[in-house]
PDB file of N, CA and C in Angstrom:
ATOM      1  N   UNK A   1     109.928  89.597 115.191  1.00  0.00           N
ATOM      2  CA  UNK A   1     110.466  90.167 113.969  1.00  0.00           C
ATOM      3  C   UNK A   1     109.314  90.563 113.042  1.00  0.00           C
ATOM      4  N   UNK A   2     109.432  91.701 112.406  1.00  0.00           N
ATOM      5  CA  UNK A   2     108.416  92.138 111.448  1.00  0.00           C
ATOM      6  C   UNK A   2     108.590  91.417 110.108  1.00  0.00           C
ATOM      7  N   UNK A   3     107.731  91.779 109.144  1.00  0.00           N
ATOM      8  CA  UNK A   3     107.889  91.259 107.777  1.00  0.00           C
ATOM      9  C   UNK A   3     109.256  91.673 107.227  1.00  0.00           C
ATOM     10  N   UNK A   4     109.629  91.114 106.100  1.00  0.00           N
ATOM     11  CA  UNK A   4     110.911  91.426 105.465  1.00  0.00           C
ATOM     12  C   UNK A   4     111.064  92.924 105.203  1.00  0.00           C
ATOM     13  N   UNK A   5     109.973  93.629 104.952  1.00  0.00           N
ATOM     14  CA  UNK A   5     110.021  95.064 104.670  1.00  0.00           C
ATOM     15  C   UNK A   5     109.977  95.939 105.916  1.00  0.00           C
ATOM     16  N   UNK A   6     109.877  95.324 107.108  1.00  0.00           N
ATOM     17  CA  UNK A   6     109.892  96.068 108.354  1.00  0.00           C
ATOM     18  C   UNK A   6     108.536  96.374 108.959  1.00  0.00           C
ATOM     19  N   UNK A   7     107.442  96.043 108.266  1.00  0.00           N
ATOM     20  CA  UNK A   7     106.097  96.325 108.774  1.00  0.00           C
ATOM     21  C   UNK A   7     105.717  95.302 109.861  1.00  0.00           C
ATOM     22  N   UNK A   8     104.940  95.747 110.823  1.00  0.00           N
ATOM     23  CA  UNK A   8     104.434  94.869 111.876  1.00  0.00           C
ATOM     24  C   UNK A   8     103.222  94.114 111.341  1.00  0.00           C
ATOM     25  N   UNK A   9     103.196  92.774 111.469  1.00  0.00           N
ATOM     26  CA  UNK A   9     102.071  91.999 110.941  1.00  0.00           C
ATOM     27  C   UNK A   9     100.786  92.188 111.736  1.00  0.00           C
ATOM     28  N   UNK A  10      99.659  92.203 111.014  1.00  0.00           N
ATOM     29  CA  UNK A  10      98.333  92.227 111.629  1.00  0.00           C
ATOM     30  C   UNK A  10      97.434  91.263 110.853  1.00  0.00           C
ATOM     31  N   UNK A  11      96.448  90.666 111.533  1.00  0.00           N
ATOM     32  CA  UNK A  11      95.519  89.784 110.825  1.00  0.00           C
ATOM     33  C   UNK A  11      94.837  90.536 109.678  1.00  0.00           C
ATOM     34  N   UNK A  12      94.659  89.846 108.564  1.00  0.00           N
ATOM     35  CA  UNK A  12      94.047  90.443 107.385  1.00  0.00           C
ATOM     36  C   UNK A  12      95.049  90.923 106.351  1.00  0.00           C
ATOM     37  N   UNK A  13      96.334  91.001 106.727  1.00  0.00           N
ATOM     38  CA  UNK A  13      97.366  91.402 105.762  1.00  0.00           C
ATOM     39  C   UNK A  13      97.438  90.404 104.624  1.00  0.00           C
ATOM     40  N   UNK A  14      97.657  90.920 103.425  1.00  0.00           N
ATOM     41  CA  UNK A  14      97.861  90.079 102.246  1.00  0.00           C
ATOM     42  C   UNK A  14      99.367  90.028 102.020  1.00  0.00           C
ATOM     43  N   UNK A  15      99.956  88.830 102.055  1.00  0.00           N
ATOM     44  CA  UNK A  15     101.402  88.662 102.004  1.00  0.00           C
ATOM     45  C   UNK A  15     101.797  87.646 100.939  1.00  0.00           C
ATOM     46  N   UNK A  16     103.107  87.571 100.672  1.00  0.00           N
ATOM     47  CA  UNK A  16     103.636  86.535  99.788  1.00  0.00           C
ATOM     48  C   UNK A  16     104.947  86.046 100.383  1.00  0.00           C
ATOM     49  N   UNK A  17     105.290  84.803 100.043  1.00  0.00           N
ATOM     50  CA  UNK A  17     106.551  84.250 100.521  1.00  0.00           C
ATOM     51  C   UNK A  17     107.625  84.397  99.441  1.00  0.00           C
ATOM     52  N   UNK A  18     108.785  83.827  99.672  1.00  0.00           N
ATOM     53  CA  UNK A  18     109.896  83.977  98.729  1.00  0.00           C
ATOM     54  C   UNK A  18     109.625  83.335  97.369  1.00  0.00           C
ATOM     55  N   UNK A  19     108.661  82.447  97.293  1.00  0.00           N
ATOM     56  CA  UNK A  19     108.292  81.806  96.022  1.00  0.00           C
ATOM     57  C   UNK A  19     107.093  82.493  95.372  1.00  0.00           C
ATOM     58  N   UNK A  20     106.742  83.679  95.895  1.00  0.00           N
ATOM     59  CA  UNK A  20     105.646  84.494  95.356  1.00  0.00           C
ATOM     60  C   UNK A  20     104.267  83.890  95.599  1.00  0.00           C
ATOM     61  N   UNK A  21     104.146  82.936  96.534  1.00  0.00           N
ATOM     62  CA  UNK A  21     102.859  82.345  96.853  1.00  0.00           C
ATOM     63  C   UNK A  21     102.090  83.312  97.755  1.00  0.00           C
ATOM     64  N   UNK A  22     100.906  83.768  97.335  1.00  0.00           N
ATOM     65  CA  UNK A  22     100.145  84.741  98.121  1.00  0.00           C
ATOM     66  C   UNK A  22      99.193  84.087  99.115  1.00  0.00           C
ATOM     67  N   UNK A  23      98.931  84.820 100.183  1.00  0.00           N
ATOM     68  CA  UNK A  23      97.979  84.359 101.178  1.00  0.00           C
ATOM     69  C   UNK A  23      97.605  85.474 102.130  1.00  0.00           C
ATOM     70  N   UNK A  24      96.676  85.180 103.013  1.00  0.00           N
ATOM     71  CA  UNK A  24      96.167  86.152 103.979  1.00  0.00           C
ATOM     72  C   UNK A  24      96.552  85.722 105.389  1.00  0.00           C
ATOM     73  N   UNK A  25      97.032  86.665 106.176  1.00  0.00           N
ATOM     74  CA  UNK A  25      97.382  86.397 107.577  1.00  0.00           C
ATOM     75  C   UNK A  25      96.093  86.214 108.370  1.00  0.00           C
ATOM     76  N   UNK A  26      95.988  85.097 109.082  1.00  0.00           N
ATOM     77  CA  UNK A  26      94.797  84.829 109.879  1.00  0.00           C
ATOM     78  C   UNK A  26      95.030  85.047 111.367  1.00  0.00           C
ATOM     79  N   UNK A  27      96.260  84.802 111.826  1.00  0.00           N
ATOM     80  CA  UNK A  27      96.599  84.939 113.249  1.00  0.00           C
ATOM     81  C   UNK A  27      98.011  85.490 113.369  1.00  0.00           C
ATOM     82  N   UNK A  28      98.212  86.371 114.349  1.00  0.00           N
ATOM     83  CA  UNK A  28      99.554  86.862 114.694  1.00  0.00           C
ATOM     84  C   UNK A  28      99.791  86.513 116.155  1.00  0.00           C
ATOM     85  N   UNK A  29     100.951  85.935 116.439  1.00  0.00           N
ATOM     86  CA  UNK A  29     101.299  85.564 117.805  1.00  0.00           C
ATOM     87  C   UNK A  29     102.757  85.955 118.036  1.00  0.00           C
ATOM     88  N   UNK A  30     103.144  86.159 119.274  1.00  0.00           N
ATOM     89  CA  UNK A  30     104.523  86.482 119.633  1.00  0.00           C
ATOM     90  C   UNK A  30     105.018  85.404 120.589  1.00  0.00           C
ATOM     91  N   UNK A  31     106.163  84.774 120.245  1.00  0.00           N
ATOM     92  CA  UNK A  31     106.692  83.729 121.122  1.00  0.00           C
ATOM     93  C   UNK A  31     107.498  84.337 122.266  1.00  0.00           C
ATOM     94  N   UNK A  32     108.063  83.506 123.116  1.00  0.00           N
ATOM     95  CA  UNK A  32     108.791  83.961 124.305  1.00  0.00           C
ATOM     96  C   UNK A  32     109.997  84.835 123.982  1.00  0.00           C
ATOM     97  N   UNK A  33     110.597  84.623 122.827  1.00  0.00           N
ATOM     98  CA  UNK A  33     111.765  85.410 122.423  1.00  0.00           C
ATOM     99  C   UNK A  33     111.380  86.694 121.700  1.00  0.00           C
ATOM    100  N   UNK A  34     110.083  86.948 121.545  1.00  0.00           N
ATOM    101  CA  UNK A  34     109.626  88.156 120.864  1.00  0.00           C
ATOM    102  C   UNK A  34     109.499  88.001 119.362  1.00  0.00           C
ATOM    103  N   UNK A  35     109.661  86.779 118.847  1.00  0.00           N
ATOM    104  CA  UNK A  35     109.530  86.506 117.420  1.00  0.00           C
ATOM    105  C   UNK A  35     108.054  86.519 117.037  1.00  0.00           C
ATOM    106  N   UNK A  36     107.700  87.301 116.012  1.00  0.00           N
ATOM    107  CA  UNK A  36     106.306  87.356 115.561  1.00  0.00           C
ATOM    108  C   UNK A  36     106.033  86.191 114.619  1.00  0.00           C
ATOM    109  N   UNK A  37     105.077  85.376 114.995  1.00  0.00           N
ATOM    110  CA  UNK A  37     104.679  84.211 114.211  1.00  0.00           C
ATOM    111  C   UNK A  37     103.318  84.482 113.596  1.00  0.00           C
ATOM    112  N   UNK A  38     103.140  84.075 112.346  1.00  0.00           N
ATOM    113  CA  UNK A  38     101.871  84.302 111.667  1.00  0.00           C
ATOM    114  C   UNK A  38     101.346  82.998 111.096  1.00  0.00           C
ATOM    115  N   UNK A  39     100.041  82.919 110.997  1.00  0.00           N
ATOM    116  CA  UNK A  39      99.377  81.817 110.299  1.00  0.00           C
ATOM    117  C   UNK A  39      98.852  82.383 108.990  1.00  0.00           C
ATOM    118  N   UNK A  40      98.957  81.589 107.919  1.00  0.00           N
ATOM    119  CA  UNK A  40      98.588  82.029 106.576  1.00  0.00           C
ATOM    120  C   UNK A  40      97.529  81.114 105.981  1.00  0.00           C
ATOM    121  N   UNK A  41      96.485  81.701 105.382  1.00  0.00           N
ATOM    122  CA  UNK A  41      95.517  80.970 104.567  1.00  0.00           C
ATOM    123  C   UNK A  41      95.912  81.235 103.114  1.00  0.00           C
ATOM    124  N   UNK A  42      96.353  80.203 102.421  1.00  0.00           N
ATOM    125  CA  UNK A  42      96.856  80.337 101.049  1.00  0.00           C
ATOM    126  C   UNK A  42      95.734  80.576 100.050  1.00  0.00           C
ATOM    127  N   UNK A  43      95.997  81.399  99.052  1.00  0.00           N
ATOM    128  CA  UNK A  43      95.018  81.670  97.992  1.00  0.00           C
ATOM    129  C   UNK A  43      94.688  80.422  97.182  1.00  0.00           C
ATOM    130  N   UNK A  44      95.660  79.556  96.990  1.00  0.00           N
ATOM    131  CA  UNK A  44      95.454  78.387  96.142  1.00  0.00           C
ATOM    132  C   UNK A  44      94.743  77.242  96.854  1.00  0.00           C
ATOM    133  N   UNK A  45      94.359  77.464  98.115  1.00  0.00           N
ATOM    134  CA  UNK A  45      93.555  76.478  98.826  1.00  0.00           C
ATOM    135  C   UNK A  45      94.338  75.392  99.525  1.00  0.00           C
ATOM    136  N   UNK A  46      95.639  75.544  99.647  1.00  0.00           N
ATOM    137  CA  UNK A  46      96.444  74.556 100.349  1.00  0.00           C
ATOM    138  C   UNK A  46      96.155  74.563 101.841  1.00  0.00           C
ATOM    139  N   UNK A  47      96.793  73.673 102.547  1.00  0.00           N
ATOM    140  CA  UNK A  47      96.627  73.586 104.001  1.00  0.00           C
ATOM    141  C   UNK A  47      97.169  74.856 104.637  1.00  0.00           C
ATOM    142  N   UNK A  48      96.422  75.399 105.584  1.00  0.00           N
ATOM    143  CA  UNK A  48      96.827  76.631 106.252  1.00  0.00           C
ATOM    144  C   UNK A  48      98.181  76.444 106.930  1.00  0.00           C
ATOM    145  N   UNK A  49      99.055  77.412 106.745  1.00  0.00           N
ATOM    146  CA  UNK A  49     100.373  77.397 107.360  1.00  0.00           C
ATOM    147  C   UNK A  49     100.259  77.989 108.755  1.00  0.00           C
ATOM    148  N   UNK A  50     100.687  77.251 109.758  1.00  0.00           N
ATOM    149  CA  UNK A  50     100.600  77.703 111.134  1.00  0.00           C
ATOM    150  C   UNK A  50     101.977  78.060 111.677  1.00  0.00           C
ATOM    151  N   UNK A  51     102.068  79.191 112.341  1.00  0.00           N
ATOM    152  CA  UNK A  51     103.265  79.601 113.070  1.00  0.00           C
ATOM    153  C   UNK A  51     104.531  79.726 112.228  1.00  0.00           C
ATOM    154  N   UNK A  52     104.461  80.458 111.143  1.00  0.00           N
ATOM    155  CA  UNK A  52     105.649  80.778 110.354  1.00  0.00           C
ATOM    156  C   UNK A  52     106.196  82.116 110.835  1.00  0.00           C
ATOM    157  N   UNK A  53     107.493  82.301 110.711  1.00  0.00           N
ATOM    158  CA  UNK A  53     108.100  83.567 111.095  1.00  0.00           C
ATOM    159  C   UNK A  53     107.674  84.657 110.119  1.00  0.00           C
ATOM    160  N   UNK A  54     107.215  85.780 110.639  1.00  0.00           N
ATOM    161  CA  UNK A  54     106.757  86.889 109.791  1.00  0.00           C
ATOM    162  C   UNK A  54     107.866  87.386 108.879  1.00  0.00           C
ATOM    163  N   UNK A  55     109.127  87.314 109.325  1.00  0.00           N
ATOM    164  CA  UNK A  55     110.235  87.831 108.532  1.00  0.00           C
ATOM    165  C   UNK A  55     110.443  87.073 107.221  1.00  0.00           C
ATOM    166  N   UNK A  56     109.793  85.920 107.064  1.00  0.00           N
ATOM    167  CA  UNK A  56     109.888  85.140 105.832  1.00  0.00           C
ATOM    168  C   UNK A  56     108.900  85.622 104.771  1.00  0.00           C
ATOM    169  N   UNK A  57     108.095  86.649 105.080  1.00  0.00           N
ATOM    170  CA  UNK A  57     107.046  87.122 104.188  1.00  0.00           C
ATOM    171  C   UNK A  57     107.196  88.604 103.877  1.00  0.00           C
ATOM    172  N   UNK A  58     106.635  88.991 102.735  1.00  0.00           N
ATOM    173  CA  UNK A  58     106.603  90.383 102.308  1.00  0.00           C
ATOM    174  C   UNK A  58     105.156  90.841 102.282  1.00  0.00           C
ATOM    175  N   UNK A  59     104.904  92.014 102.850  1.00  0.00           N
ATOM    176  CA  UNK A  59     103.560  92.576 102.829  1.00  0.00           C
ATOM    177  C   UNK A  59     103.232  93.046 101.419  1.00  0.00           C
ATOM    178  N   UNK A  60     102.096  92.583 100.883  1.00  0.00           N
ATOM    179  CA  UNK A  60     101.630  92.992  99.567  1.00  0.00           C
ATOM    180  C   UNK A  60     100.628  94.136  99.720  1.00  0.00           C
ATOM    181  N   UNK A  61      99.654  93.954 100.612  1.00  0.00           N
ATOM    182  CA  UNK A  61      98.670  95.013 100.858  1.00  0.00           C
ATOM    183  C   UNK A  61      98.043  94.851 102.227  1.00  0.00           C
ATOM    184  N   UNK A  62      97.458  95.945 102.687  1.00  0.00           N
ATOM    185  CA  UNK A  62      96.805  95.953 103.986  1.00  0.00           C
ATOM    186  C   UNK A  62      95.552  96.808 103.863  1.00  0.00           C
ATOM    187  N   UNK A  63      94.455  96.324 104.423  1.00  0.00           N
ATOM    188  CA  UNK A  63      93.212  97.070 104.433  1.00  0.00           C
ATOM    189  C   UNK A  63      93.314  98.132 105.523  1.00  0.00           C
ATOM    190  N   UNK A  64      93.113  99.361 105.167  1.00  0.00           N
ATOM    191  CA  UNK A  64      93.146 100.468 106.130  1.00  0.00           C
ATOM    192  C   UNK A  64      91.882 100.423 106.972  1.00  0.00           C
ATOM    193  N   UNK A  65      92.039 100.588 108.277  1.00  0.00           N
ATOM    194  CA  UNK A  65      90.878 100.582 109.181  1.00  0.00           C
ATOM    195  C   UNK A  65      90.731 101.924 109.820  1.00  0.00           C
TER     196      UNK A  65
END
């Protein structure tokens, strides 16, 4: 599943969750069912979130390559 806005996640994306907590995607993985899982490094320095569903996040910005 993509982000809530329909974009496909890539490492380096700047995202926020439903509580407006911002962070950076560090890893993107796809499970057996095709669900896109992302790991997040939080801006506020909390413990890195591992394997959250991408659909729970909104893309804030992406660095163009």
